[in-house]
């Protein structure tokens, strides 16, 4: 059995069913182009993932970057 990454991300785009950790970050996949290898996404962190000033904690920013970069890499690799 093989894992079809393109089908996984297409399902994420159309059905909006991300993994739990991705959902925690408030991830929204807006668009992607497998041929060009780019991804457009947005994040809405829950309030409890922010610092006292209301800004995103650095670790969560890193996690958001990890989500987008791994997605772009996955898509580009298979594209």
Protein backbone atom coordinates (compact mmCIF):
# COMPACT_ATOMS: atom_id res chain seq x y z
CA UNK A 1 0.00 0.00 0.00
CA UNK A 2 1.38 3.40 -0.95
CA UNK A 3 0.49 6.78 0.46
CA UNK A 4 -0.79 9.22 -2.16
CA UNK A 5 0.38 12.61 -0.86
CA UNK A 6 -1.27 14.54 -3.65
CA UNK A 7 -4.65 12.93 -2.87
CA UNK A 8 -4.12 13.65 0.84
CA UNK A 9 -3.48 17.36 0.24
CA UNK A 10 -6.27 17.61 -2.33
CA UNK A 11 -8.65 16.14 0.27
CA UNK A 12 -7.36 18.66 2.80
CA UNK A 13 -8.03 21.47 0.34
CA UNK A 14 -11.53 20.33 -0.60
CA UNK A 15 -12.83 18.74 2.61
CA UNK A 16 -10.93 20.83 5.20
CA UNK A 17 -10.01 17.80 7.35
CA UNK A 18 -6.47 18.44 8.64
CA UNK A 19 -4.62 16.30 11.21
CA UNK A 20 -5.24 17.32 14.84
CA UNK A 21 -1.92 19.13 15.31
CA UNK A 22 -2.50 21.05 12.10
CA UNK A 23 -6.03 21.94 13.18
CA UNK A 24 -4.72 23.20 16.54
CA UNK A 25 -2.67 25.80 14.66
CA UNK A 26 -5.80 27.02 12.90
CA UNK A 27 -4.36 25.95 9.54
CA UNK A 28 -6.34 26.77 6.43
CA UNK A 29 -5.01 25.53 3.10
CA UNK A 30 -6.05 28.15 0.58
CA UNK A 31 -4.40 26.91 -2.61
CA UNK A 32 -1.41 25.04 -3.98
CA UNK A 33 0.24 24.43 -7.32
CA UNK A 34 1.97 21.04 -7.56
CA UNK A 35 3.75 21.96 -10.79
CA UNK A 36 5.22 25.20 -9.43
CA UNK A 37 5.68 23.79 -5.90
CA UNK A 38 4.00 26.59 -3.96
CA UNK A 39 1.45 26.66 -1.16
CA UNK A 40 -0.80 29.42 0.17
CA UNK A 41 -2.09 28.96 3.70
CA UNK A 42 -3.43 30.95 6.62
CA UNK A 43 -3.32 30.29 10.36
CA UNK A 44 -5.55 31.41 13.22
CA UNK A 45 -3.98 30.43 16.52
CA UNK A 46 -6.19 29.84 19.53
CA UNK A 47 -5.83 32.46 22.26
CA UNK A 48 -4.07 30.00 24.59
CA UNK A 49 -1.21 29.75 22.04
CA UNK A 50 -0.31 33.41 22.43
CA UNK A 51 1.89 35.30 24.86
CA UNK A 52 0.53 37.82 27.40
CA UNK A 53 0.72 40.54 24.73
CA UNK A 54 -1.57 38.52 22.45
CA UNK A 55 1.14 37.67 19.92
CA UNK A 56 1.92 34.17 18.69
CA UNK A 57 4.52 32.33 20.78
CA UNK A 58 7.69 31.68 18.75
CA UNK A 59 7.34 27.91 18.96
CA UNK A 60 3.93 28.09 17.34
CA UNK A 61 5.29 30.33 14.58
CA UNK A 62 7.94 27.66 13.96
CA UNK A 63 5.25 24.99 13.85
CA UNK A 64 3.27 27.03 11.30
CA UNK A 65 6.36 27.39 9.11
CA UNK A 66 7.00 23.66 9.44
CA UNK A 67 3.45 22.89 8.27
CA UNK A 68 3.71 25.08 5.18
CA UNK A 69 7.26 24.09 4.23
CA UNK A 70 6.62 20.36 4.62
CA UNK A 71 3.48 20.69 2.51
CA UNK A 72 5.30 22.63 -0.22
CA UNK A 73 8.16 20.13 -0.19
CA UNK A 74 5.78 17.20 -0.38
CA UNK A 75 3.87 18.71 -3.25
CA UNK A 76 7.01 19.74 -5.16
CA UNK A 77 8.58 16.32 -4.70
CA UNK A 78 5.55 14.54 -6.12
CA UNK A 79 4.56 17.27 -8.58
